[in-house]
PDB file of N, CA and C in Angstrom:
ATOM      1  N   MET A   1      62.628  -7.928 126.112  1.00  0.00           N
ATOM      2  CA  MET A   1      62.660  -6.739 125.256  1.00  0.00           C
ATOM      3  C   MET A   1      61.672  -5.679 125.759  1.00  0.00           C
ATOM      4  N   ILE A   2      60.561  -6.138 126.337  1.00  0.00           N
ATOM      5  CA  ILE A   2      59.517  -5.170 126.714  1.00  0.00           C
ATOM      6  C   ILE A   2      59.962  -4.336 127.924  1.00  0.00           C
ATOM      7  N   ALA A   3      60.598  -4.993 128.899  1.00  0.00           N
ATOM      8  CA  ALA A   3      60.940  -4.281 130.131  1.00  0.00           C
ATOM      9  C   ALA A   3      61.915  -3.119 129.888  1.00  0.00           C
ATOM     10  N   PRO A   4      63.015  -3.302 129.138  1.00  0.00           N
ATOM     11  CA  PRO A   4      63.912  -2.159 128.922  1.00  0.00           C
ATOM     12  C   PRO A   4      63.224  -1.003 128.193  1.00  0.00           C
ATOM     13  N   GLN A   5      62.352  -1.311 127.246  1.00  0.00           N
ATOM     14  CA  GLN A   5      61.641  -0.247 126.541  1.00  0.00           C
ATOM     15  C   GLN A   5      60.742   0.526 127.507  1.00  0.00           C
ATOM     16  N   TYR A   6      60.092  -0.195 128.416  1.00  0.00           N
ATOM     17  CA  TYR A   6      59.234   0.487 129.376  1.00  0.00           C
ATOM     18  C   TYR A   6      60.059   1.364 130.305  1.00  0.00           C
ATOM     19  N   GLU A   7      61.200   0.837 130.772  1.00  0.00           N
ATOM     20  CA  GLU A   7      62.032   1.632 131.681  1.00  0.00           C
ATOM     21  C   GLU A   7      62.495   2.914 130.983  1.00  0.00           C
ATOM     22  N   GLU A   8      62.872   2.800 129.713  1.00  0.00           N
ATOM     23  CA  GLU A   8      63.304   3.996 128.990  1.00  0.00           C
ATOM     24  C   GLU A   8      62.147   4.993 128.868  1.00  0.00           C
ATOM     25  N   GLY A   9      60.973   4.492 128.547  1.00  0.00           N
ATOM     26  CA  GLY A   9      59.811   5.368 128.447  1.00  0.00           C
ATOM     27  C   GLY A   9      59.473   6.029 129.769  1.00  0.00           C
ATOM     28  N   GLU A  10      59.593   5.260 130.843  1.00  0.00           N
ATOM     29  CA  GLU A  10      59.300   5.821 132.169  1.00  0.00           C
ATOM     30  C   GLU A  10      60.297   6.924 132.505  1.00  0.00           C
ATOM     31  N   GLN A  11      61.566   6.703 132.184  1.00  0.00           N
ATOM     32  CA  GLN A  11      62.571   7.730 132.469  1.00  0.00           C
ATOM     33  C   GLN A  11      62.302   8.979 131.641  1.00  0.00           C
ATOM     34  N   LEU A  12      61.915   8.807 130.367  1.00  0.00           N
ATOM     35  CA  LEU A  12      61.619   9.971 129.530  1.00  0.00           C
ATOM     36  C   LEU A  12      60.414  10.724 130.088  1.00  0.00           C
ATOM     37  N   PHE A  13      59.400   9.992 130.542  1.00  0.00           N
ATOM     38  CA  PHE A  13      58.213  10.634 131.104  1.00  0.00           C
ATOM     39  C   PHE A  13      58.578  11.420 132.354  1.00  0.00           C
ATOM     40  N   THR A  14      59.383  10.788 133.227  1.00  0.00           N
ATOM     41  CA  THR A  14      59.793  11.466 134.457  1.00  0.00           C
ATOM     42  C   THR A  14      60.591  12.717 134.134  1.00  0.00           C
ATOM     43  N   PHE A  15      61.517  12.591 133.167  1.00  0.00           N
ATOM     44  CA  PHE A  15      62.333  13.748 132.796  1.00  0.00           C
ATOM     45  C   PHE A  15      61.457  14.861 132.233  1.00  0.00           C
ATOM     46  N   PHE A  16      60.466  14.498 131.423  1.00  0.00           N
ATOM     47  CA  PHE A  16      59.578  15.505 130.847  1.00  0.00           C
ATOM     48  C   PHE A  16      58.810  16.232 131.942  1.00  0.00           C
ATOM     49  N   VAL A  17      58.253  15.483 132.878  1.00  0.00           N
ATOM     50  CA  VAL A  17      57.477  16.104 133.957  1.00  0.00           C
ATOM     51  C   VAL A  17      58.366  17.017 134.785  1.00  0.00           C
ATOM     52  N   GLN A  18      59.569  16.533 135.129  1.00  0.00           N
ATOM     53  CA  GLN A  18      60.447  17.344 135.966  1.00  0.00           C
ATOM     54  C   GLN A  18      60.917  18.591 135.222  1.00  0.00           C
ATOM     55  N   SER A  19      61.214  18.448 133.929  1.00  0.00           N
ATOM     56  CA  SER A  19      61.678  19.621 133.176  1.00  0.00           C
ATOM     57  C   SER A  19      60.565  20.652 133.054  1.00  0.00           C
ATOM     58  N   GLN A  20      59.317  20.192 132.817  1.00  0.00           N
ATOM     59  CA  GLN A  20      58.198  21.122 132.749  1.00  0.00           C
ATOM     60  C   GLN A  20      58.025  21.841 134.083  1.00  0.00           C
ATOM     61  N   THR A  21      58.175  21.097 135.181  1.00  0.00           N
ATOM     62  CA  THR A  21      58.019  21.704 136.504  1.00  0.00           C
ATOM     63  C   THR A  21      59.116  22.727 136.764  1.00  0.00           C
ATOM     64  N   ILE A  22      60.353  22.394 136.375  1.00  0.00           N
ATOM     65  CA  ILE A  22      61.468  23.332 136.595  1.00  0.00           C
ATOM     66  C   ILE A  22      61.242  24.606 135.791  1.00  0.00           C
ATOM     67  N   ILE A  23      60.788  24.460 134.536  1.00  0.00           N
ATOM     68  CA  ILE A  23      60.527  25.642 133.709  1.00  0.00           C
ATOM     69  C   ILE A  23      59.426  26.487 134.343  1.00  0.00           C
ATOM     70  N   PHE A  24      58.365  25.821 134.819  1.00  0.00           N
ATOM     71  CA  PHE A  24      57.271  26.550 135.457  1.00  0.00           C
ATOM     72  C   PHE A  24      57.751  27.282 136.709  1.00  0.00           C
ATOM     73  N   LEU A  25      58.540  26.575 137.541  1.00  0.00           N
ATOM     74  CA  LEU A  25      59.032  27.200 138.764  1.00  0.00           C
ATOM     75  C   LEU A  25      59.929  28.390 138.446  1.00  0.00           C
ATOM     76  N   PHE A  26      60.725  28.275 137.378  1.00  0.00           N
ATOM     77  CA  PHE A  26      61.619  29.377 137.015  1.00  0.00           C
ATOM     78  C   PHE A  26      60.804  30.631 136.692  1.00  0.00           C
ATOM     79  N   PHE A  27      59.790  30.479 135.846  1.00  0.00           N
ATOM     80  CA  PHE A  27      58.996  31.654 135.479  1.00  0.00           C
ATOM     81  C   PHE A  27      58.176  32.147 136.658  1.00  0.00           C
ATOM     82  N   TYR A  28      57.674  31.226 137.491  1.00  0.00           N
ATOM     83  CA  TYR A  28      56.903  31.652 138.653  1.00  0.00           C
ATOM     84  C   TYR A  28      57.790  32.434 139.621  1.00  0.00           C
ATOM     85  N   ASN A  29      59.026  31.950 139.811  1.00  0.00           N
ATOM     86  CA  ASN A  29      59.943  32.663 140.705  1.00  0.00           C
ATOM     87  C   ASN A  29      60.280  34.044 140.151  1.00  0.00           C
ATOM     88  N   GLN A  30      60.432  34.155 138.829  1.00  0.00           N
ATOM     89  CA  GLN A  30      60.667  35.473 138.233  1.00  0.00           C
ATOM     90  C   GLN A  30      59.489  36.404 138.522  1.00  0.00           C
ATOM     91  N   TYR A  31      58.266  35.884 138.389  1.00  0.00           N
ATOM     92  CA  TYR A  31      57.074  36.695 138.654  1.00  0.00           C
ATOM     93  C   TYR A  31      57.018  37.111 140.127  1.00  0.00           C
ATOM     94  N   VAL A  32      57.267  36.157 141.015  1.00  0.00           N
ATOM     95  CA  VAL A  32      57.215  36.463 142.445  1.00  0.00           C
ATOM     96  C   VAL A  32      58.284  37.488 142.806  1.00  0.00           C
ATOM     97  N   TYR A  33      59.459  37.344 142.182  1.00  0.00           N
ATOM     98  CA  TYR A  33      60.539  38.283 142.489  1.00  0.00           C
ATOM     99  C   TYR A  33      60.142  39.699 142.087  1.00  0.00           C
ATOM    100  N   ARG A  34      59.468  39.837 140.931  1.00  0.00           N
ATOM    101  CA  ARG A  34      59.014  41.171 140.522  1.00  0.00           C
ATOM    102  C   ARG A  34      57.959  41.698 141.491  1.00  0.00           C
ATOM    103  N   GLN A  35      57.156  40.799 142.037  1.00  0.00           N
ATOM    104  CA  GLN A  35      56.108  41.224 142.967  1.00  0.00           C
ATOM    105  C   GLN A  35      56.658  41.459 144.380  1.00  0.00           C
ATOM    106  N   GLN A  36      57.917  41.064 144.607  1.00  0.00           N
ATOM    107  CA  GLN A  36      58.529  41.206 145.932  1.00  0.00           C
ATOM    108  C   GLN A  36      57.732  40.452 146.989  1.00  0.00           C
ATOM    109  N   ARG A  37      57.308  39.243 146.626  1.00  0.00           N
ATOM    110  CA  ARG A  37      56.605  38.393 147.603  1.00  0.00           C
ATOM    111  C   ARG A  37      57.336  37.054 147.661  1.00  0.00           C
ATOM    112  N   HIS A  38      58.449  37.013 148.348  1.00  0.00           N
ATOM    113  CA  HIS A  38      59.302  35.832 148.323  1.00  0.00           C
ATOM    114  C   HIS A  38      58.679  34.668 149.085  1.00  0.00           C
ATOM    115  N   TRP A  39      57.736  34.950 149.974  1.00  0.00           N
ATOM    116  CA  TRP A  39      57.148  33.880 150.771  1.00  0.00           C
ATOM    117  C   TRP A  39      56.255  32.967 149.935  1.00  0.00           C
ATOM    118  N   GLN A  40      55.901  33.393 148.713  1.00  0.00           N
ATOM    119  CA  GLN A  40      55.032  32.546 147.888  1.00  0.00           C
ATOM    120  C   GLN A  40      55.807  31.444 147.175  1.00  0.00           C
ATOM    121  N   VAL A  41      57.137  31.521 147.174  1.00  0.00           N
ATOM    122  CA  VAL A  41      57.910  30.545 146.412  1.00  0.00           C
ATOM    123  C   VAL A  41      57.836  29.169 147.062  1.00  0.00           C
ATOM    124  N   LEU A  42      57.884  29.117 148.391  1.00  0.00           N
ATOM    125  CA  LEU A  42      57.952  27.830 149.084  1.00  0.00           C
ATOM    126  C   LEU A  42      56.703  26.972 148.871  1.00  0.00           C
ATOM    127  N   PRO A  43      55.472  27.490 149.027  1.00  0.00           N
ATOM    128  CA  PRO A  43      54.305  26.622 148.841  1.00  0.00           C
ATOM    129  C   PRO A  43      54.216  26.025 147.434  1.00  0.00           C
ATOM    130  N   ILE A  44      54.522  26.805 146.401  1.00  0.00           N
ATOM    131  CA  ILE A  44      54.398  26.276 145.045  1.00  0.00           C
ATOM    132  C   ILE A  44      55.456  25.210 144.790  1.00  0.00           C
ATOM    133  N   THR A  45      56.624  25.334 145.425  1.00  0.00           N
ATOM    134  CA  THR A  45      57.656  24.306 145.270  1.00  0.00           C
ATOM    135  C   THR A  45      57.212  23.008 145.929  1.00  0.00           C
ATOM    136  N   ILE A  46      56.655  23.109 147.120  1.00  0.00           N
ATOM    137  CA  ILE A  46      56.171  21.907 147.813  1.00  0.00           C
ATOM    138  C   ILE A  46      55.045  21.260 147.006  1.00  0.00           C
ATOM    139  N   GLY A  47      54.127  22.079 146.492  1.00  0.00           N
ATOM    140  CA  GLY A  47      53.026  21.540 145.710  1.00  0.00           C
ATOM    141  C   GLY A  47      53.515  20.833 144.458  1.00  0.00           C
ATOM    142  N   SER A  48      54.532  21.380 143.804  1.00  0.00           N
ATOM    143  CA  SER A  48      55.046  20.751 142.599  1.00  0.00           C
ATOM    144  C   SER A  48      55.710  19.420 142.928  1.00  0.00           C
ATOM    145  N   ALA A  49      56.422  19.348 144.046  1.00  0.00           N
ATOM    146  CA  ALA A  49      57.046  18.085 144.444  1.00  0.00           C
ATOM    147  C   ALA A  49      55.977  17.025 144.696  1.00  0.00           C
ATOM    148  N   ILE A  50      54.865  17.429 145.319  1.00  0.00           N
ATOM    149  CA  ILE A  50      53.771  16.476 145.567  1.00  0.00           C
ATOM    150  C   ILE A  50      53.163  16.030 144.240  1.00  0.00           C
ATOM    151  N   ASN A  51      53.020  16.962 143.291  1.00  0.00           N
ATOM    152  CA  ASN A  51      52.443  16.598 142.002  1.00  0.00           C
ATOM    153  C   ASN A  51      53.324  15.607 141.259  1.00  0.00           C
ATOM    154  N   ILE A  52      54.638  15.807 141.290  1.00  0.00           N
ATOM    155  CA  ILE A  52      55.545  14.858 140.634  1.00  0.00           C
ATOM    156  C   ILE A  52      55.395  13.490 141.277  1.00  0.00           C
ATOM    157  N   ARG A  53      55.313  13.453 142.594  1.00  0.00           N
ATOM    158  CA  ARG A  53      55.186  12.165 143.282  1.00  0.00           C
ATOM    159  C   ARG A  53      53.860  11.499 142.908  1.00  0.00           C
ATOM    160  N   SER A  54      52.795  12.274 142.756  1.00  0.00           N
ATOM    161  CA  SER A  54      51.502  11.709 142.383  1.00  0.00           C
ATOM    162  C   SER A  54      51.554  11.126 140.973  1.00  0.00           C
ATOM    163  N   LEU A  55      52.188  11.858 140.052  1.00  0.00           N
ATOM    164  CA  LEU A  55      52.281  11.353 138.684  1.00  0.00           C
ATOM    165  C   LEU A  55      53.093  10.066 138.643  1.00  0.00           C
ATOM    166  N   ARG A  56      54.127   9.986 139.460  1.00  0.00           N
ATOM    167  CA  ARG A  56      54.914   8.755 139.508  1.00  0.00           C
ATOM    168  C   ARG A  56      54.055   7.619 140.052  1.00  0.00           C
ATOM    169  N   THR A  57      53.185   7.915 140.991  1.00  0.00           N
ATOM    170  CA  THR A  57      52.344   6.875 141.576  1.00  0.00           C
ATOM    171  C   THR A  57      51.356   6.339 140.547  1.00  0.00           C
ATOM    172  N   TYR A  58      50.793   7.219 139.718  1.00  0.00           N
ATOM    173  CA  TYR A  58      49.773   6.808 138.765  1.00  0.00           C
ATOM    174  C   TYR A  58      50.353   6.291 137.460  1.00  0.00           C
ATOM    175  N   ALA A  59      51.699   6.261 137.335  1.00  0.00           N
ATOM    176  CA  ALA A  59      52.293   5.704 136.122  1.00  0.00           C
ATOM    177  C   ALA A  59      51.960   4.215 136.050  1.00  0.00           C
ATOM    178  N   PRO A  60      51.711   3.688 134.853  1.00  0.00           N
ATOM    179  CA  PRO A  60      51.370   2.258 134.738  1.00  0.00           C
ATOM    180  C   PRO A  60      52.483   1.375 135.288  1.00  0.00           C
ATOM    181  N   ALA A  61      52.098   0.373 136.055  1.00  0.00           N
ATOM    182  CA  ALA A  61      53.105  -0.460 136.718  1.00  0.00           C
ATOM    183  C   ALA A  61      53.372  -1.744 135.931  1.00  0.00           C
TER     184      ALA A  61
END
């Protein structure tokens, strides 16, 4: 019983982190687009992908 509950919680946590990141990237891209600095989009996307991977690593095993 414990393992399925944990898997569901882990999936919800992952979905929450990814959705927050997508929302952040959306607004950041809107800001960058207004500033006409398209080259700034790539570094923040890479950084967010690394952050998601780090959070997955530190999730309780």
